[in-house]
Amino acid sequence: MPRKVENQLTALQVKNLEAGSYIDGGGLRLLVKPTGARSWVFRFTLRGKTRDLGLGDAGPDGVKLSEARDLAAALRLKVKAGVDPLEEREREAAEALARAQADKIAAVTFKAAAEAHIEANGESWRNPKHRKQWGSTLKTYVYPHMGDIPVSEVTTTHVLAALEPIWKNRPETASRVRGRIEVVLNAAKAKGQRSGENPATWRGHLKMILPARSKLTRGHHAAMPYAKVPAFMARLRAARSVGARALEFAILTASRTGEVLGMTWREVDLKDNVWTVPAARMKAGKLHRVPLSPRAVAILAEMRKAGAEPDAPVFPGPKGGHLSNMALAMVLRRLGHEETVHGFRSAFRDWGSEQTGYSNEALEMALAHTIANAVERAYRRGDLLERRVRLMADWAAYCEGEAVAAGDNVTPLRQSA
C-alpha cells in the first residue's frame, strides 16, 4: 500500500515558500501566489469528482498550520460519510443570506414602505399636491394605527383600525386612504417584503365588512340639479372675488377644479377663444382643448392684468401663486350650498343628455373623459372641437337663463321653483 502523505509542511515553510502549490497531506494544500498571498485549500474526491474547498488565509494573521490540519481532518470525516463539504458550505451560505433578507424585510415598517413608494413614484404624479396629500393622509389616518407594524405583518385588523374611525363621517377621504394602503401593500409584495392576499382590497374583502359608500351619510346635494344652475349662476356672478370667477369659469367650461386652478395665460388663445390644457395637467394624460363661450372670455378679460407673464396664474391667490384647492368649495359654502364643485360636471352631463340633441361622444369629449373601449379609442382621432364650440356656447346660454331660438339643439329653459 502507498504511504500516506501527511504533515509535510512546517510553520517556517508556510511563511517563506515561494509561489506554487504545496501538499501537506490528507488533502490539505498551501497555495502561494506570485504576490505572496497565501491560502489553505482542502482537495477531496467524492463520487468520482475532485473538488477544492478554500479554508482561509494562510498569512501571519490568518489560519495557522495546526488549525488548517484540524479543519482538514474534520472535512475528511464528512467526505468519508458521503457529505460534500463544498455543497454544505454553499447551502449554509444560502440559508444565512435568506435569514438576513428575512430579518431585513421584517425590519421594513408600513411607514417605511409607504415613504419609499411615495419617493419612487411621487415625481410621476401630475399634481404636486397629490404627492403632498398622499403623505398627509397616511400620516394623519394610517401611521398612528400601523405605521410601526412590519409591512409583512399588516392584516385586515390593522387596516380596519385605520379606516373605521373615518369611514362613515369622512367617506371620500376614507376611500382614498383605503386605496393608498392597498397600493403600498401591493408595492411591498412586488418587492418581496410581504406575501399573501392584500388586506386592503375592497372587492371580495373589505366590501364584505364595511358599508358601501353609496349607503353612507353623505348628504344628498353632491351635484346640483341642472335646472337650478341658472339661478345659482346669477348669484355667483354677483359675488366679487377671484374664487367666484374661477368657480364660474369652471362651471362654464365643465372643467375639473385642478385644471382651472393650474391654468396660466400661456394656455389661453383669445384670438380663437380656445383654452388648451397640456397633457401633463390632465387626468387622462392627454392634451385637452376647451372652446370658450363669450361669458368665459369675458371672465378672462376681467382677470387679465397689463403685463401679465405667460406663466402667471389666470386665477391668482391672495398671496401669489394659484388659488388653493379649497377656494372654489369655499365660494359654494359662502353662498349656502353643500354641493361639490365636481358635481357641476355631472349637471352639465345630465343637461346635455336630457335637454339637448348633442351626441354622447361630444359630451364625453367636453368632459375630457377617457374612452373605455380600446377599438373606439383607436379610431377616434379628432376632438370634435367645432361641434363643441356650439355645445359650450349653448351651455353658457343655459347657465345665464337665456331662451334658445327654435331649431337649436337645446330645449328652452324650463322654469323651476
Protein backbone atom coordinates (compact mmCIF):
# COMPACT_ATOMS: atom_id res chain seq x y z
CA MET A 1 0.00 0.00 0.00
CA PRO A 2 1.24 3.50 -0.79
CA ARG A 3 2.41 5.51 2.20
CA LYS A 4 0.04 8.25 3.31
CA VAL A 5 1.45 11.71 2.86
CA GLU A 6 0.70 13.77 5.97
CA ASN A 7 2.19 16.74 7.82
CA GLN A 8 4.74 17.56 5.14
CA LEU A 9 4.96 21.28 5.82
CA THR A 10 6.46 23.25 8.68
CA ALA A 11 5.32 26.62 10.02
CA LEU A 12 8.51 28.18 8.69
CA GLN A 13 7.88 26.82 5.20
CA VAL A 14 4.31 28.13 5.27
CA LYS A 15 5.77 31.54 5.99
CA ASN A 16 8.64 31.51 3.47
CA LEU A 17 7.77 29.27 0.49
CA GLU A 18 7.72 30.97 -2.91
CA ALA A 19 4.83 30.93 -5.41
CA GLY A 20 3.44 27.47 -6.03
CA SER A 21 1.17 24.69 -4.70
CA TYR A 22 2.44 22.59 -1.79
CA ILE A 23 0.99 19.39 -0.34
CA ASP A 24 0.82 18.99 3.44
CA GLY A 25 -1.13 15.75 3.26
CA GLY A 26 -4.59 14.39 3.89
CA GLY A 27 -5.99 16.68 1.17
CA LEU A 28 -4.55 19.87 2.71
CA ARG A 29 -2.61 22.15 0.35
CA LEU A 30 -0.90 25.51 0.63
CA LEU A 31 -1.29 27.89 -2.33
CA VAL A 32 1.20 30.74 -2.67
CA LYS A 33 0.52 33.37 -5.35
CA PRO A 34 3.23 35.41 -7.07
CA THR A 35 2.07 38.36 -5.00
CA GLY A 36 2.98 36.46 -1.86
CA ALA A 37 -0.64 35.92 -0.80
CA ARG A 38 -1.10 32.54 0.88
CA SER A 39 -4.20 30.42 1.42
CA TRP A 40 -5.22 26.93 2.51
CA VAL A 41 -7.17 24.57 0.23
CA PHE A 42 -8.72 21.22 1.02
CA ARG A 43 -8.86 18.90 -2.01
CA PHE A 44 -11.21 15.93 -1.85
CA THR A 45 -12.73 13.36 -4.18
CA LEU A 46 -16.34 12.30 -3.79
CA ARG A 47 -18.48 10.25 -6.18
CA GLY A 48 -15.63 10.30 -8.68
CA LYS A 49 -15.39 14.11 -8.73
CA THR A 50 -12.42 16.05 -7.33
CA ARG A 51 -13.15 19.48 -5.83
CA ASP A 52 -11.29 22.17 -3.91
CA LEU A 53 -12.59 23.96 -0.81
CA GLY A 54 -10.91 27.09 0.49
CA LEU A 55 -10.04 27.11 4.19
CA GLY A 56 -8.93 30.70 4.53
CA ASP A 57 -5.86 32.93 4.52
CA ALA A 58 -2.56 31.36 5.49
CA GLY A 59 -0.80 34.66 6.23
CA PRO A 60 0.55 35.78 9.62
CA ASP A 61 -2.91 36.84 10.83
CA GLY A 62 -4.79 34.01 9.13
CA VAL A 63 -5.36 30.29 9.75
CA LYS A 64 -2.30 28.66 11.35
CA LEU A 65 -0.89 25.35 10.09
CA SER A 66 -2.22 23.37 13.07
CA GLU A 67 -5.69 24.92 12.65
CA ALA A 68 -5.69 24.09 8.94
CA ARG A 69 -4.83 20.44 9.72
CA ASP A 70 -7.70 20.24 12.23
CA LEU A 71 -10.12 21.67 9.67
CA ALA A 72 -8.89 19.21 7.03
CA ALA A 73 -9.31 16.28 9.47
CA ALA A 74 -12.92 17.25 10.19
CA LEU A 75 -13.65 17.59 6.47
CA ARG A 76 -12.14 14.17 5.72
CA LEU A 77 -14.65 12.64 8.12
CA LYS A 78 -17.53 14.35 6.29
CA VAL A 79 -16.28 13.15 2.92
CA LYS A 80 -15.93 9.62 4.32
CA ALA A 81 -19.57 9.87 5.43
CA GLY A 82 -20.60 10.89 1.90
CA VAL A 83 -21.14 14.57 2.67
CA ASP A 84 -19.87 17.09 0.13
CA PRO A 85 -18.40 19.89 2.29
CA LEU A 86 -18.47 22.38 -0.61
CA GLU A 87 -22.18 21.83 -1.21
CA GLU A 88 -22.75 22.04 2.54
CA ARG A 89 -20.96 25.40 2.72
CA GLU A 90 -22.94 26.76 -0.26
CA ARG A 91 -26.20 25.62 1.34
CA GLU A 92 -25.31 27.22 4.67
CA ALA A 93 -24.36 30.47 2.91
CA ALA A 94 -27.69 30.49 1.06
CA GLU A 95 -29.58 29.85 4.30
CA ALA A 96 -27.68 32.64 6.05
CA LEU A 97 -28.47 35.02 3.20
CA ALA A 98 -32.15 34.05 3.34
CA ARG A 99 -32.21 34.68 7.09
CA ALA A 100 -30.55 38.06 6.62
CA GLN A 101 -33.05 39.01 3.93
CA ALA A 102 -35.93 37.85 6.13
CA ASP A 103 -34.60 39.95 9.01
CA LYS A 104 -34.26 42.93 6.66
CA ILE A 105 -37.81 42.51 5.38
CA ALA A 106 -39.14 42.17 8.92
CA ALA A 107 -37.48 45.49 9.73
CA VAL A 108 -39.41 47.33 6.95
CA THR A 109 -42.38 49.00 8.59
CA PHE A 110 -45.54 50.07 6.79
CA LYS A 111 -44.44 53.68 7.18
CA ALA A 112 -41.06 52.96 5.60
CA ALA A 113 -42.72 51.07 2.74
CA ALA A 114 -45.17 53.93 2.16
CA GLU A 115 -42.47 56.59 2.19
CA ALA A 116 -40.38 54.54 -0.23
CA HIS A 117 -43.35 54.24 -2.59
CA ILE A 118 -44.01 57.99 -2.47
CA GLU A 119 -40.35 58.74 -3.06
CA ALA A 120 -40.17 56.36 -6.03
CA ASN A 121 -43.40 57.46 -7.71
CA GLY A 122 -44.09 60.99 -6.50
CA GLU A 123 -42.27 62.70 -9.36
CA SER A 124 -44.50 60.96 -11.90
CA TRP A 125 -47.71 62.26 -10.31
CA ARG A 126 -49.01 65.17 -12.38
CA ASN A 127 -50.22 67.28 -9.48
CA PRO A 128 -47.61 68.09 -6.78
CA LYS A 129 -50.47 68.44 -4.31
CA HIS A 130 -51.36 64.80 -4.93
CA ARG A 131 -47.99 63.76 -3.54
CA LYS A 132 -48.49 66.01 -0.52
CA GLN A 133 -51.97 64.59 0.09
CA TRP A 134 -50.62 61.03 -0.08
CA GLY A 135 -48.17 61.73 2.71
CA SER A 136 -50.52 63.82 4.83
CA THR A 137 -53.45 61.37 4.74
CA LEU A 138 -51.24 58.41 5.63
CA LYS A 139 -49.60 60.39 8.42
CA THR A 140 -52.96 61.50 9.84
CA TYR A 141 -55.10 58.39 9.46
CA VAL A 142 -52.83 55.37 8.97
CA TYR A 143 -49.45 55.69 10.69
CA PRO A 144 -50.95 56.02 14.21
CA HIS A 145 -52.53 52.56 13.76
CA MET A 146 -49.99 50.63 11.67
CA GLY A 147 -47.02 52.87 10.83
CA ASP A 148 -44.61 50.90 13.02
CA ILE A 149 -46.02 47.48 12.11
CA PRO A 150 -43.74 45.43 9.79
CA VAL A 151 -45.28 45.68 6.34
CA SER A 152 -45.10 41.88 6.14
CA GLU A 153 -47.42 41.60 9.15
CA VAL A 154 -50.15 44.11 8.23
CA THR A 155 -53.54 42.42 8.50
CA THR A 156 -57.18 43.27 7.97
CA THR A 157 -57.39 44.20 11.65
CA HIS A 158 -54.77 46.91 11.16
CA VAL A 159 -56.46 48.24 8.03
CA LEU A 160 -59.85 48.41 9.73
CA ALA A 161 -58.33 50.20 12.73
CA ALA A 162 -57.27 52.97 10.34
CA LEU A 163 -60.45 53.10 8.25
CA GLU A 164 -63.36 52.55 10.63
CA PRO A 165 -62.96 55.85 12.58
CA ILE A 166 -63.40 57.86 9.35
CA TRP A 167 -65.42 55.52 7.13
CA LYS A 168 -68.83 56.97 7.99
CA ASN A 169 -68.16 60.64 8.63
CA ARG A 170 -65.41 61.18 6.03
CA PRO A 171 -66.23 58.64 3.31
CA GLU A 172 -64.40 60.36 0.46
CA THR A 173 -61.18 60.63 2.46
CA ALA A 174 -61.59 57.11 3.83
CA SER A 175 -61.99 55.67 0.36
CA ARG A 176 -58.80 57.36 -0.82
CA VAL A 177 -56.92 56.22 2.27
CA ARG A 178 -58.02 52.63 1.69
CA GLY A 179 -56.81 52.82 -1.91
CA ARG A 180 -53.45 54.19 -0.82
CA ILE A 181 -52.98 51.45 1.76
CA GLU A 182 -53.78 48.89 -0.93
CA VAL A 183 -51.21 50.39 -3.31
CA VAL A 184 -48.47 50.45 -0.65
CA LEU A 185 -49.11 46.81 0.26
CA ASN A 186 -49.14 45.76 -3.41
CA ALA A 187 -45.82 47.52 -3.96
CA ALA A 188 -44.38 45.82 -0.87
CA LYS A 189 -45.49 42.42 -2.19
CA ALA A 190 -43.87 43.14 -5.56
CA LYS A 191 -40.60 43.87 -3.70
CA GLY A 192 -40.83 40.60 -1.80
CA GLN A 193 -41.50 42.37 1.50
CA ARG A 194 -44.79 40.57 2.11
CA SER A 195 -46.83 37.69 0.72
CA GLY A 196 -50.43 36.56 0.60
CA GLU A 197 -53.63 38.48 -0.12
CA ASN A 198 -53.85 42.25 0.25
CA PRO A 199 -55.93 43.05 3.37
CA ALA A 200 -56.89 46.47 1.95
CA THR A 201 -58.57 45.03 -1.14
CA TRP A 202 -62.15 46.26 -1.49
CA ARG A 203 -63.86 43.80 -3.81
CA GLY A 204 -64.42 40.44 -2.20
CA HIS A 205 -62.84 41.52 1.07
CA LEU A 206 -63.42 44.87 2.81
CA LYS A 207 -66.64 45.21 0.84
CA MET A 208 -67.94 42.35 2.97
CA ILE A 209 -67.12 44.25 6.17
CA LEU A 210 -67.55 47.99 5.58
CA PRO A 211 -70.75 49.65 4.27
CA ALA A 212 -70.67 50.78 0.65
CA ARG A 213 -70.05 54.49 0.15
CA SER A 214 -73.43 54.89 -1.51
CA LYS A 215 -75.06 53.87 1.78
CA LEU A 216 -73.12 56.29 3.92
CA THR A 217 -74.50 59.57 5.18
CA ARG A 218 -73.01 61.97 2.69
CA GLY A 219 -75.93 64.34 2.20
CA HIS A 220 -77.97 64.47 -0.99
CA HIS A 221 -76.57 67.63 -2.53
CA ALA A 222 -73.32 66.30 -4.07
CA ALA A 223 -74.34 67.52 -7.54
CA MET A 224 -76.64 70.48 -8.16
CA PRO A 225 -79.56 69.57 -10.46
CA TYR A 226 -79.02 71.33 -13.77
CA ALA A 227 -82.41 73.03 -13.50
CA LYS A 228 -81.07 75.00 -10.52
CA VAL A 229 -77.82 76.03 -12.16
CA PRO A 230 -79.08 79.25 -13.87
CA ALA A 231 -80.39 80.71 -10.60
CA PHE A 232 -77.15 79.77 -8.85
CA MET A 233 -75.06 81.33 -11.60
CA ALA A 234 -76.92 84.63 -11.21
CA ARG A 235 -75.94 84.70 -7.53
CA LEU A 236 -72.41 83.60 -8.34
CA ARG A 237 -71.90 86.42 -10.86
CA ALA A 238 -72.84 88.92 -8.16
CA ALA A 239 -70.02 87.65 -5.91
CA ARG A 240 -66.89 89.74 -6.30
CA SER A 241 -63.85 87.56 -5.70
CA VAL A 242 -61.24 85.70 -7.70
CA GLY A 243 -62.59 82.43 -6.33
CA ALA A 244 -66.09 83.26 -7.59
CA ARG A 245 -64.75 83.99 -11.08
CA ALA A 246 -62.73 80.75 -11.06
CA LEU A 247 -65.79 78.74 -10.00
CA GLU A 248 -67.95 80.37 -12.67
CA PHE A 249 -65.28 79.65 -15.28
CA ALA A 250 -65.05 76.01 -14.12
CA ILE A 251 -68.82 75.59 -14.47
CA LEU A 252 -68.96 77.24 -17.90
CA THR A 253 -66.14 75.03 -19.22
CA ALA A 254 -67.28 71.85 -17.38
CA SER A 255 -63.68 71.52 -16.14
CA ARG A 256 -62.11 69.97 -13.09
CA THR A 257 -61.01 72.18 -10.21
CA GLY A 258 -57.32 71.38 -10.64
CA GLU A 259 -57.39 72.16 -14.35
CA VAL A 260 -58.85 75.63 -13.68
CA LEU A 261 -56.66 76.49 -10.70
CA GLY A 262 -53.48 75.47 -12.53
CA MET A 263 -54.40 77.49 -15.63
CA THR A 264 -51.81 80.00 -16.90
CA TRP A 265 -52.08 82.71 -19.55
CA ARG A 266 -49.78 80.67 -21.80
CA GLU A 267 -52.61 78.17 -22.22
CA VAL A 268 -55.14 80.78 -23.37
CA ASP A 269 -55.70 81.72 -27.01
CA LEU A 270 -58.03 84.73 -27.04
CA LYS A 271 -57.76 85.03 -30.80
CA ASP A 272 -59.53 81.73 -31.43
CA ASN A 273 -61.14 81.62 -27.95
CA VAL A 274 -59.63 78.27 -27.02
CA TRP A 275 -58.05 77.16 -23.78
CA THR A 276 -55.50 74.35 -24.27
CA VAL A 277 -54.74 72.30 -21.18
CA PRO A 278 -51.41 70.45 -21.56
CA ALA A 279 -51.36 66.69 -21.17
CA ALA A 280 -49.26 66.94 -18.01
CA ARG A 281 -52.15 68.63 -16.19
CA MET A 282 -54.93 66.36 -17.42
CA LYS A 283 -56.22 63.37 -15.50
CA ALA A 284 -56.09 61.21 -18.64
CA GLY A 285 -52.61 62.48 -19.55
CA LYS A 286 -53.84 63.80 -22.92
CA LEU A 287 -53.91 67.40 -24.21
CA HIS A 288 -57.41 68.89 -24.00
CA ARG A 289 -58.79 71.85 -25.94
CA VAL A 290 -61.70 73.77 -24.41
CA PRO A 291 -63.84 76.13 -26.54
CA LEU A 292 -64.52 79.36 -24.66
CA SER A 293 -68.03 80.83 -24.65
CA PRO A 294 -68.46 84.62 -24.72
CA ARG A 295 -69.04 84.69 -20.97
CA ALA A 296 -65.91 82.59 -20.33
CA VAL A 297 -63.92 85.02 -22.50
CA ALA A 298 -65.39 87.94 -20.54
CA ILE A 299 -64.18 86.36 -17.28
CA LEU A 300 -60.67 86.04 -18.70
CA ALA A 301 -60.78 89.67 -19.82
CA GLU A 302 -61.77 90.64 -16.28
CA MET A 303 -58.88 88.63 -14.80
CA ARG A 304 -56.30 89.83 -17.31
CA LYS A 305 -53.91 92.42 -15.98
CA ALA A 306 -51.50 94.50 -18.00
CA GLY A 307 -48.08 92.94 -18.25
CA ALA A 308 -49.19 89.52 -17.02
CA GLU A 309 -46.46 86.95 -17.60
CA PRO A 310 -47.31 83.90 -19.79
CA ASP A 311 -46.75 81.55 -16.86
CA ALA A 312 -48.70 83.69 -14.38
CA PRO A 313 -51.85 82.02 -12.97
CA VAL A 314 -55.11 83.21 -14.51
CA PHE A 315 -56.77 82.96 -11.09
CA PRO A 316 -54.08 84.07 -8.61
CA GLY A 317 -54.25 83.50 -4.88
CA PRO A 318 -54.21 86.38 -2.39
CA LYS A 319 -50.56 85.70 -1.53
CA GLY A 320 -49.40 85.00 -5.04
CA GLY A 321 -49.36 81.73 -6.93
CA HIS A 322 -52.51 79.76 -7.66
CA LEU A 323 -55.67 79.69 -5.60
CA SER A 324 -55.83 76.86 -3.09
CA ASN A 325 -57.73 73.67 -3.87
CA MET A 326 -60.40 74.65 -1.35
CA ALA A 327 -61.04 78.11 -2.80
CA LEU A 328 -63.91 77.08 -5.09
CA ALA A 329 -65.52 74.88 -2.46
CA MET A 330 -65.43 77.78 -0.01
CA VAL A 331 -67.26 80.00 -2.52
CA LEU A 332 -70.02 77.40 -2.61
CA ARG A 333 -70.17 77.27 1.18
CA ARG A 334 -70.35 81.05 1.50
CA LEU A 335 -73.30 81.03 -0.89
CA GLY A 336 -75.01 78.47 1.34
CA HIS A 337 -74.59 75.38 -0.84
CA GLU A 338 -73.41 71.89 0.13
CA GLU A 339 -72.89 70.61 -3.41
CA THR A 340 -69.42 69.73 -4.65
CA VAL A 341 -67.62 71.70 -7.35
CA HIS A 342 -67.11 68.46 -9.27
CA GLY A 343 -70.88 67.97 -9.21
CA PHE A 344 -71.33 70.74 -11.79
CA ARG A 345 -69.70 68.45 -14.34
CA SER A 346 -72.47 65.98 -13.59
CA ALA A 347 -75.05 68.76 -14.01
CA PHE A 348 -73.55 69.60 -17.41
CA ARG A 349 -73.64 65.93 -18.44
CA ASP A 350 -77.25 65.48 -17.34
CA TRP A 351 -78.30 68.68 -19.10
CA GLY A 352 -76.59 67.57 -22.29
CA SER A 353 -78.23 64.14 -22.22
CA GLU A 354 -81.74 65.23 -21.22
CA GLN A 355 -82.12 68.68 -22.74
CA THR A 356 -80.10 68.68 -25.97
CA GLY A 357 -79.51 66.69 -29.10
CA TYR A 358 -75.76 66.63 -28.73
CA SER A 359 -74.14 63.22 -29.10
CA ASN A 360 -72.77 61.24 -26.22
CA GLU A 361 -69.40 61.45 -27.97
CA ALA A 362 -69.39 65.27 -27.95
CA LEU A 363 -70.46 65.42 -24.30
CA GLU A 364 -67.75 62.97 -23.24
CA MET A 365 -65.18 64.93 -25.23
CA ALA A 366 -66.24 68.12 -23.44
CA LEU A 367 -65.63 66.40 -20.10
CA ALA A 368 -62.26 65.01 -21.29
CA HIS A 369 -63.32 61.52 -20.31
CA THR A 370 -61.17 58.57 -21.34
CA ILE A 371 -62.83 56.22 -23.84
CA ALA A 372 -63.10 52.82 -22.22
CA ASN A 373 -63.44 50.89 -25.48
CA ALA A 374 -59.96 50.34 -26.95
CA VAL A 375 -61.23 49.90 -30.52
CA GLU A 376 -63.30 53.07 -30.40
CA ARG A 377 -60.37 54.91 -28.83
CA ALA A 378 -58.06 53.79 -31.66
CA TYR A 379 -60.39 55.08 -34.38
CA ARG A 380 -61.30 58.39 -32.75
CA ARG A 381 -58.64 60.81 -33.95
CA GLY A 382 -60.16 64.28 -33.59
CA ASP A 383 -61.60 66.09 -30.59
CA LEU A 384 -64.81 67.45 -32.22
CA LEU A 385 -63.73 71.00 -31.41
CA GLU A 386 -66.04 72.73 -33.90
CA ARG A 387 -69.04 70.83 -32.60
CA ARG A 388 -68.06 71.57 -29.02
CA VAL A 389 -67.82 75.32 -29.73
CA ARG A 390 -71.60 75.35 -30.20
CA LEU A 391 -72.10 72.94 -27.28
CA MET A 392 -70.25 75.15 -24.79
CA ALA A 393 -71.98 78.28 -26.10
CA ASP A 394 -75.36 76.59 -25.56
CA TRP A 395 -74.35 75.51 -22.06
CA ALA A 396 -73.26 79.06 -21.22
CA ALA A 397 -76.56 80.41 -22.57
CA TYR A 398 -78.44 77.89 -20.46
CA CYS A 399 -76.45 78.88 -17.38
CA GLU A 400 -77.43 82.51 -17.98
CA GLY A 401 -81.10 81.54 -18.21
CA GLU A 402 -81.46 82.53 -21.84
CA ALA A 403 -84.21 81.10 -24.02
CA VAL A 404 -82.89 79.25 -27.06
CA ALA A 405 -84.13 80.04 -30.56
CA ALA A 406 -86.18 77.44 -32.40
CA GLY A 407 -84.10 74.98 -34.31
CA ASP A 408 -81.22 74.98 -31.84
CA ASN A 409 -80.08 71.81 -30.14
CA VAL A 410 -81.24 72.91 -26.73
CA THR A 411 -84.72 72.65 -25.31
CA PRO A 412 -85.97 76.03 -23.99
CA LEU A 413 -85.22 76.52 -20.28
CA ARG A 414 -87.82 75.00 -18.04
CA GLN A 415 -88.78 77.32 -15.24
CA SER A 416 -88.39 75.75 -11.83
CA ALA A 417 -89.12 76.90 -8.36
